[in-house]
Structures are given as C-alpha cells and as structure tokens.
Amino acid sequence: MSRMPRQGCTWVVQTRQSEGPIDASSEKGGATTVEQPTIEKDTRAEENLDLPWLVIVHNDPVNLMSYVTMVFQRVFGYPREKAERHMLEVHHKGRSILWSGMRERAELYVQQLHGYLLLATLEKAI
C-alpha cells in the first residue's frame, strides 16, 4: 500500500489491487478521481538561471592559514598549491573568487564553507 499526497484534510491511499485512488476517510471505500496537478510555467527568465555565479571567500582574523588551505582542498578538491594561492589571495587582498558556475552548485559550496566557519558569499558574475 502506498500513500498519495494529502488532498485537503483527507489522506488518499492507493492499493495495488485497485484501479484508482481510494478515499481513506470514506466508510464505503468507493473509488474517487483525483485531478492532475496544474503545472504553471516558471516566471523567472532562464538566462538568469544560467548566469555564472561566483563563490567568494572573505578574510577573517580567526582561522589559521593552514586551516583555510585544508578547507579549500576538502571542499573544492584543489591541490595544495592552488589552495595555498587562494588562501594567500584572501590574506593579502581580503577576498578570493574560488569557483564560478551554476547557482545551485555555488550555493552548495557556500553552505559547505560556512560549515567550516569561513565567511563566504555568493555573487552574480557581471
């Protein structure tokens, strides 16, 4: 037996033997029809979704340089030399662009960097 999404205040249950969904609140267990959900077109422009997004890490006085280097290696899979270059850029310039690409992946990277207590932001590429 599998549950279907809630319809109002009633659970709709479907069994393998039945042809359609059965209203679980009905005492007789008669079959009811469920309308297909209406899918509306997304109003956001697709070009906005495809724009490159930048993952930027900012300098902070708390974390050690070796720790920041290690985080860049773990999160982005950078070799030690590349991770150290970005770490030094953050240290000297105050920020470094670590990655650019699709927004969803960029959001994941920012969330992971926050998990390591680094200050990271997400910005649209111009």
N, C-alpha and C. Protein backbone atom coordinates (compact mmCIF):
# COMPACT_ATOMS: atom_id res chain seq x y z
N MET A 1 0.84 -1.16 0.00
CA MET A 1 0.00 0.00 0.00
C MET A 1 0.89 1.23 0.00
N SER A 2 0.54 2.25 -0.78
CA SER A 2 1.33 3.47 -0.84
C SER A 2 0.44 4.67 -0.60
N ARG A 3 1.01 5.70 0.03
CA ARG A 3 0.26 6.91 0.30
C ARG A 3 0.47 7.90 -0.83
N MET A 4 -0.58 8.59 -1.19
CA MET A 4 -0.52 9.67 -2.18
C MET A 4 -0.44 10.98 -1.40
N PRO A 5 -0.09 12.08 -2.03
CA PRO A 5 -0.03 13.37 -1.34
C PRO A 5 -1.37 13.73 -0.74
N ARG A 6 -1.34 14.49 0.31
CA ARG A 6 -2.56 14.89 1.01
C ARG A 6 -3.44 15.74 0.12
N GLN A 7 -4.70 15.47 0.11
CA GLN A 7 -5.69 16.24 -0.64
C GLN A 7 -6.60 16.90 0.39
N GLY A 8 -6.44 18.18 0.63
CA GLY A 8 -7.25 18.86 1.64
C GLY A 8 -6.95 18.29 3.01
N CYS A 9 -7.97 17.80 3.68
CA CYS A 9 -7.80 17.22 5.02
C CYS A 9 -7.91 15.71 4.98
N THR A 10 -7.93 15.11 3.82
CA THR A 10 -8.15 13.68 3.67
C THR A 10 -6.91 13.03 3.06
N TRP A 11 -6.51 11.89 3.61
CA TRP A 11 -5.41 11.13 3.00
C TRP A 11 -5.97 10.28 1.89
N VAL A 12 -5.28 10.22 0.78
CA VAL A 12 -5.68 9.39 -0.34
C VAL A 12 -4.72 8.21 -0.37
N VAL A 13 -5.28 7.01 -0.32
CA VAL A 13 -4.47 5.80 -0.26
C VAL A 13 -4.75 4.99 -1.51
N GLN A 14 -3.71 4.41 -2.06
CA GLN A 14 -3.86 3.58 -3.25
C GLN A 14 -3.27 2.22 -2.97
N THR A 15 -4.03 1.16 -3.26
CA THR A 15 -3.53 -0.19 -3.09
C THR A 15 -3.19 -0.75 -4.46
N ARG A 16 -2.45 -1.82 -4.48
CA ARG A 16 -2.03 -2.41 -5.75
C ARG A 16 -3.21 -3.02 -6.51
N GLN A 17 -4.23 -3.51 -5.80
CA GLN A 17 -5.34 -4.16 -6.46
C GLN A 17 -6.30 -3.17 -7.10
N SER A 18 -6.38 -1.95 -6.62
CA SER A 18 -7.37 -1.00 -7.11
C SER A 18 -6.90 -0.33 -8.39
N GLU A 19 -7.84 0.11 -9.16
CA GLU A 19 -7.54 0.81 -10.40
C GLU A 19 -7.18 2.26 -10.14
N GLY A 20 -7.74 2.86 -9.12
CA GLY A 20 -7.52 4.28 -8.84
C GLY A 20 -7.36 4.51 -7.35
N PRO A 21 -7.18 5.74 -6.97
CA PRO A 21 -7.03 6.05 -5.56
C PRO A 21 -8.33 5.83 -4.80
N ILE A 22 -8.20 5.48 -3.54
CA ILE A 22 -9.34 5.25 -2.67
C ILE A 22 -9.31 6.29 -1.57
N ASP A 23 -10.43 6.91 -1.31
CA ASP A 23 -10.53 7.92 -0.26
C ASP A 23 -10.56 7.20 1.08
N ALA A 24 -9.54 7.39 1.91
CA ALA A 24 -9.41 6.67 3.17
C ALA A 24 -10.44 7.12 4.18
N SER A 25 -11.01 8.33 4.05
CA SER A 25 -11.98 8.81 5.03
C SER A 25 -13.38 8.30 4.71
N SER A 26 -13.57 7.75 3.53
CA SER A 26 -14.87 7.24 3.14
C SER A 26 -15.12 5.90 3.82
N GLU A 27 -16.33 5.75 4.41
CA GLU A 27 -16.65 4.50 5.10
C GLU A 27 -16.84 3.35 4.11
N LYS A 28 -17.35 3.65 2.93
CA LYS A 28 -17.61 2.60 1.95
C LYS A 28 -16.37 2.23 1.16
N GLY A 29 -15.37 3.12 1.13
CA GLY A 29 -14.15 2.82 0.39
C GLY A 29 -14.33 2.92 -1.11
N GLY A 30 -15.29 3.72 -1.57
CA GLY A 30 -15.53 3.88 -3.00
C GLY A 30 -14.40 4.62 -3.69
N ALA A 31 -14.22 4.34 -4.96
CA ALA A 31 -13.14 4.99 -5.70
C ALA A 31 -13.51 6.43 -6.01
N THR A 32 -12.53 7.31 -5.91
CA THR A 32 -12.72 8.71 -6.28
C THR A 32 -11.67 9.08 -7.32
N THR A 33 -11.94 10.11 -8.05
CA THR A 33 -10.95 10.54 -9.03
C THR A 33 -10.17 11.71 -8.46
N VAL A 34 -8.90 11.74 -8.79
CA VAL A 34 -8.02 12.81 -8.35
C VAL A 34 -7.57 13.56 -9.59
N GLU A 35 -7.72 14.88 -9.56
CA GLU A 35 -7.33 15.68 -10.71
C GLU A 35 -5.81 15.77 -10.79
N GLN A 36 -5.32 15.87 -12.01
CA GLN A 36 -3.89 16.05 -12.22
C GLN A 36 -3.51 17.46 -11.76
N PRO A 37 -2.35 17.61 -11.11
CA PRO A 37 -1.95 18.95 -10.69
C PRO A 37 -1.64 19.83 -11.90
N THR A 38 -1.95 21.11 -11.76
CA THR A 38 -1.66 22.05 -12.82
C THR A 38 -0.24 22.57 -12.64
N ILE A 39 0.56 22.45 -13.68
CA ILE A 39 1.94 22.92 -13.61
C ILE A 39 2.00 24.23 -14.39
N GLU A 40 2.30 25.29 -13.65
CA GLU A 40 2.40 26.59 -14.29
C GLU A 40 3.83 26.83 -14.71
N LYS A 41 3.99 27.62 -15.74
CA LYS A 41 5.32 27.93 -16.26
C LYS A 41 6.07 28.81 -15.27
N ASP A 42 7.34 28.51 -15.07
CA ASP A 42 8.19 29.31 -14.19
C ASP A 42 8.34 30.69 -14.80
N THR A 43 8.15 31.73 -13.98
CA THR A 43 8.18 33.09 -14.48
C THR A 43 9.58 33.67 -14.55
N ARG A 44 10.56 33.03 -13.92
CA ARG A 44 11.93 33.54 -13.98
C ARG A 44 12.51 33.31 -15.37
N ALA A 45 13.29 34.26 -15.82
CA ALA A 45 13.94 34.12 -17.12
C ALA A 45 15.03 33.06 -17.02
N GLU A 46 15.09 32.21 -18.02
CA GLU A 46 16.07 31.14 -17.98
C GLU A 46 17.50 31.65 -18.05
N GLU A 47 17.70 32.80 -18.72
CA GLU A 47 19.06 33.32 -18.79
C GLU A 47 19.58 33.73 -17.41
N ASN A 48 18.71 34.12 -16.50
CA ASN A 48 19.14 34.45 -15.14
C ASN A 48 19.62 33.22 -14.39
N LEU A 49 19.04 32.07 -14.70
CA LEU A 49 19.45 30.85 -14.04
C LEU A 49 20.80 30.36 -14.56
N ASP A 50 21.10 30.67 -15.82
CA ASP A 50 22.32 30.18 -16.43
C ASP A 50 23.53 31.09 -16.22
N LEU A 51 23.29 32.29 -15.68
CA LEU A 51 24.41 33.19 -15.46
C LEU A 51 25.41 32.55 -14.52
N PRO A 52 26.69 32.78 -14.74
CA PRO A 52 27.66 32.24 -13.78
C PRO A 52 27.55 32.97 -12.44
N TRP A 53 27.70 32.21 -11.40
CA TRP A 53 27.70 32.73 -10.04
C TRP A 53 29.08 32.50 -9.44
N LEU A 54 29.50 33.41 -8.61
CA LEU A 54 30.83 33.36 -8.03
C LEU A 54 30.75 32.97 -6.56
N VAL A 55 31.63 32.06 -6.15
CA VAL A 55 31.79 31.73 -4.74
C VAL A 55 33.01 32.50 -4.26
N ILE A 56 32.78 33.41 -3.32
CA ILE A 56 33.85 34.27 -2.83
C ILE A 56 34.04 34.03 -1.34
N VAL A 57 35.28 33.86 -0.95
CA VAL A 57 35.59 33.72 0.48
C VAL A 57 36.29 35.01 0.91
N HIS A 58 35.96 35.45 2.12
CA HIS A 58 36.47 36.71 2.65
C HIS A 58 37.43 36.45 3.81
N ASN A 59 38.31 37.39 4.02
CA ASN A 59 39.30 37.28 5.09
C ASN A 59 38.62 37.38 6.45
N ASP A 60 39.15 36.64 7.40
CA ASP A 60 38.72 36.77 8.80
C ASP A 60 39.95 36.60 9.68
N PRO A 61 39.97 37.24 10.82
CA PRO A 61 41.15 37.18 11.69
C PRO A 61 41.20 35.94 12.57
N VAL A 62 40.26 35.04 12.43
CA VAL A 62 40.13 33.92 13.37
C VAL A 62 40.86 32.66 12.89
N ASN A 63 40.67 32.28 11.63
CA ASN A 63 41.16 30.99 11.15
C ASN A 63 42.62 31.04 10.73
N LEU A 64 43.32 29.96 11.03
CA LEU A 64 44.73 29.85 10.64
C LEU A 64 44.85 29.63 9.13
N MET A 65 45.96 30.06 8.57
CA MET A 65 46.18 29.89 7.13
C MET A 65 46.18 28.42 6.73
N SER A 66 46.77 27.57 7.55
CA SER A 66 46.81 26.15 7.24
C SER A 66 45.40 25.54 7.25
N TYR A 67 44.56 26.02 8.16
CA TYR A 67 43.17 25.54 8.23
C TYR A 67 42.41 25.95 6.96
N VAL A 68 42.55 27.20 6.54
CA VAL A 68 41.86 27.68 5.34
C VAL A 68 42.31 26.90 4.11
N THR A 69 43.61 26.64 4.00
CA THR A 69 44.14 25.84 2.90
C THR A 69 43.52 24.45 2.90
N MET A 70 43.44 23.83 4.06
CA MET A 70 42.86 22.49 4.18
C MET A 70 41.38 22.50 3.77
N VAL A 71 40.64 23.52 4.15
CA VAL A 71 39.22 23.61 3.79
C VAL A 71 39.06 23.71 2.28
N PHE A 72 39.88 24.53 1.63
CA PHE A 72 39.79 24.66 0.17
C PHE A 72 40.10 23.33 -0.51
N GLN A 73 41.01 22.58 0.03
CA GLN A 73 41.33 21.27 -0.54
C GLN A 73 40.16 20.31 -0.38
N ARG A 74 39.54 20.31 0.78
CA ARG A 74 38.44 19.38 1.03
C ARG A 74 37.18 19.74 0.26
N VAL A 75 36.80 21.01 0.27
CA VAL A 75 35.54 21.41 -0.35
C VAL A 75 35.64 21.38 -1.88
N PHE A 76 36.71 21.94 -2.43
CA PHE A 76 36.83 22.07 -3.88
C PHE A 76 37.71 21.01 -4.52
N GLY A 77 38.44 20.25 -3.72
CA GLY A 77 39.33 19.24 -4.27
C GLY A 77 40.57 19.84 -4.91
N TYR A 78 40.92 21.06 -4.50
CA TYR A 78 42.08 21.72 -5.06
C TYR A 78 43.37 21.06 -4.59
N PRO A 79 44.40 21.03 -5.45
CA PRO A 79 45.71 20.59 -4.98
C PRO A 79 46.25 21.62 -3.99
N ARG A 80 47.18 21.22 -3.19
CA ARG A 80 47.71 22.08 -2.12
C ARG A 80 48.20 23.44 -2.64
N GLU A 81 48.89 23.44 -3.77
CA GLU A 81 49.44 24.68 -4.32
C GLU A 81 48.33 25.68 -4.68
N LYS A 82 47.29 25.20 -5.33
CA LYS A 82 46.18 26.07 -5.71
C LYS A 82 45.44 26.57 -4.47
N ALA A 83 45.21 25.69 -3.51
CA ALA A 83 44.55 26.08 -2.27
C ALA A 83 45.36 27.15 -1.53
N GLU A 84 46.69 26.99 -1.52
CA GLU A 84 47.54 27.99 -0.86
C GLU A 84 47.51 29.32 -1.59
N ARG A 85 47.46 29.30 -2.94
CA ARG A 85 47.37 30.55 -3.71
C ARG A 85 46.11 31.32 -3.34
N HIS A 86 44.98 30.60 -3.27
CA HIS A 86 43.72 31.25 -2.89
C HIS A 86 43.77 31.75 -1.45
N MET A 87 44.33 30.97 -0.57
CA MET A 87 44.45 31.38 0.83
C MET A 87 45.26 32.66 0.94
N LEU A 88 46.39 32.76 0.21
CA LEU A 88 47.22 33.96 0.25
C LEU A 88 46.51 35.16 -0.37
N GLU A 89 45.72 34.92 -1.41
CA GLU A 89 44.94 36.00 -2.01
C GLU A 89 43.93 36.54 -1.00
N VAL A 90 43.27 35.65 -0.27
CA VAL A 90 42.34 36.07 0.77
C VAL A 90 43.08 36.86 1.84
N HIS A 91 44.25 36.40 2.23
CA HIS A 91 45.03 37.03 3.29
C HIS A 91 45.50 38.43 2.89
N HIS A 92 45.97 38.58 1.66
CA HIS A 92 46.53 39.86 1.22
C HIS A 92 45.50 40.82 0.64
N LYS A 93 44.53 40.30 -0.12
CA LYS A 93 43.56 41.17 -0.79
C LYS A 93 42.22 41.25 -0.08
N GLY A 94 41.99 40.38 0.90
CA GLY A 94 40.73 40.40 1.64
C GLY A 94 39.66 39.48 1.12
N ARG A 95 39.84 38.96 -0.08
CA ARG A 95 38.85 38.03 -0.66
C ARG A 95 39.46 37.30 -1.84
N SER A 96 38.84 36.19 -2.20
CA SER A 96 39.28 35.42 -3.35
C SER A 96 38.07 34.74 -3.98
N ILE A 97 38.02 34.76 -5.31
CA ILE A 97 36.97 34.04 -6.04
C ILE A 97 37.45 32.60 -6.18
N LEU A 98 36.75 31.69 -5.52
CA LEU A 98 37.17 30.29 -5.50
C LEU A 98 36.59 29.46 -6.62
N TRP A 99 35.39 29.84 -7.08
CA TRP A 99 34.70 28.99 -8.06
C TRP A 99 33.66 29.84 -8.77
N SER A 100 33.35 29.50 -10.02
CA SER A 100 32.22 30.13 -10.72
C SER A 100 31.49 29.05 -11.51
N GLY A 101 30.17 29.22 -11.57
CA GLY A 101 29.37 28.24 -12.29
C GLY A 101 27.91 28.40 -11.97
N MET A 102 27.16 27.31 -12.10
CA MET A 102 25.71 27.33 -11.89
C MET A 102 25.37 27.65 -10.43
N ARG A 103 24.25 28.32 -10.25
CA ARG A 103 23.86 28.83 -8.93
C ARG A 103 23.69 27.71 -7.89
N GLU A 104 23.05 26.65 -8.25
CA GLU A 104 22.76 25.59 -7.28
C GLU A 104 24.05 25.01 -6.69
N ARG A 105 25.02 24.74 -7.53
CA ARG A 105 26.31 24.22 -7.05
C ARG A 105 27.03 25.27 -6.21
N ALA A 106 26.96 26.54 -6.65
CA ALA A 106 27.59 27.64 -5.90
C ALA A 106 26.99 27.77 -4.51
N GLU A 107 25.68 27.62 -4.40
CA GLU A 107 25.02 27.67 -3.09
C GLU A 107 25.51 26.54 -2.19
N LEU A 108 25.70 25.37 -2.77
CA LEU A 108 26.21 24.24 -2.01
C LEU A 108 27.61 24.53 -1.48
N TYR A 109 28.49 25.08 -2.33
CA TYR A 109 29.85 25.40 -1.89
C TYR A 109 29.84 26.44 -0.77
N VAL A 110 29.02 27.47 -0.90
CA VAL A 110 28.94 28.49 0.15
C VAL A 110 28.47 27.86 1.46
N GLN A 111 27.49 26.99 1.38
CA GLN A 111 26.99 26.31 2.58
C GLN A 111 28.09 25.45 3.21
N GLN A 112 28.85 24.76 2.39
CA GLN A 112 29.94 23.93 2.94
C GLN A 112 31.01 24.79 3.59
N LEU A 113 31.36 25.91 2.97
CA LEU A 113 32.36 26.81 3.57
C LEU A 113 31.86 27.37 4.89
N HIS A 114 30.57 27.70 4.98
CA HIS A 114 30.00 28.15 6.24
C HIS A 114 30.08 27.06 7.30
N GLY A 115 29.94 25.81 6.87
CA GLY A 115 30.07 24.69 7.79
C GLY A 115 31.45 24.60 8.41
N TYR A 116 32.46 25.08 7.69
CA TYR A 116 33.83 25.13 8.22
C TYR A 116 34.13 26.48 8.88
N LEU A 117 33.08 27.28 9.08
CA LEU A 117 33.17 28.59 9.75
C LEU A 117 34.00 29.60 8.98
N LEU A 118 33.99 29.50 7.65
CA LEU A 118 34.62 30.52 6.81
C LEU A 118 33.54 31.47 6.32
N LEU A 119 33.90 32.74 6.14
CA LEU A 119 32.98 33.73 5.64
C LEU A 119 32.99 33.67 4.12
N ALA A 120 31.90 33.21 3.54
CA ALA A 120 31.80 33.05 2.09
C ALA A 120 30.49 33.66 1.61
N THR A 121 30.53 34.20 0.39
CA THR A 121 29.32 34.79 -0.20
C THR A 121 29.16 34.29 -1.62
N LEU A 122 27.96 34.52 -2.14
CA LEU A 122 27.59 34.14 -3.49
C LEU A 122 27.23 35.42 -4.23
N GLU A 123 27.83 35.65 -5.39
CA GLU A 123 27.56 36.84 -6.19
C GLU A 123 27.36 36.48 -7.65
N LYS A 124 26.52 37.27 -8.33
CA LYS A 124 26.34 37.10 -9.77
C LYS A 124 27.58 37.60 -10.48
N ALA A 125 28.01 36.88 -11.49
CA ALA A 125 29.12 37.36 -12.31
C ALA A 125 28.58 38.43 -13.25
N ILE A 126 29.36 39.45 -13.45
CA ILE A 126 28.90 40.55 -14.29
C ILE A 126 29.36 40.34 -15.72
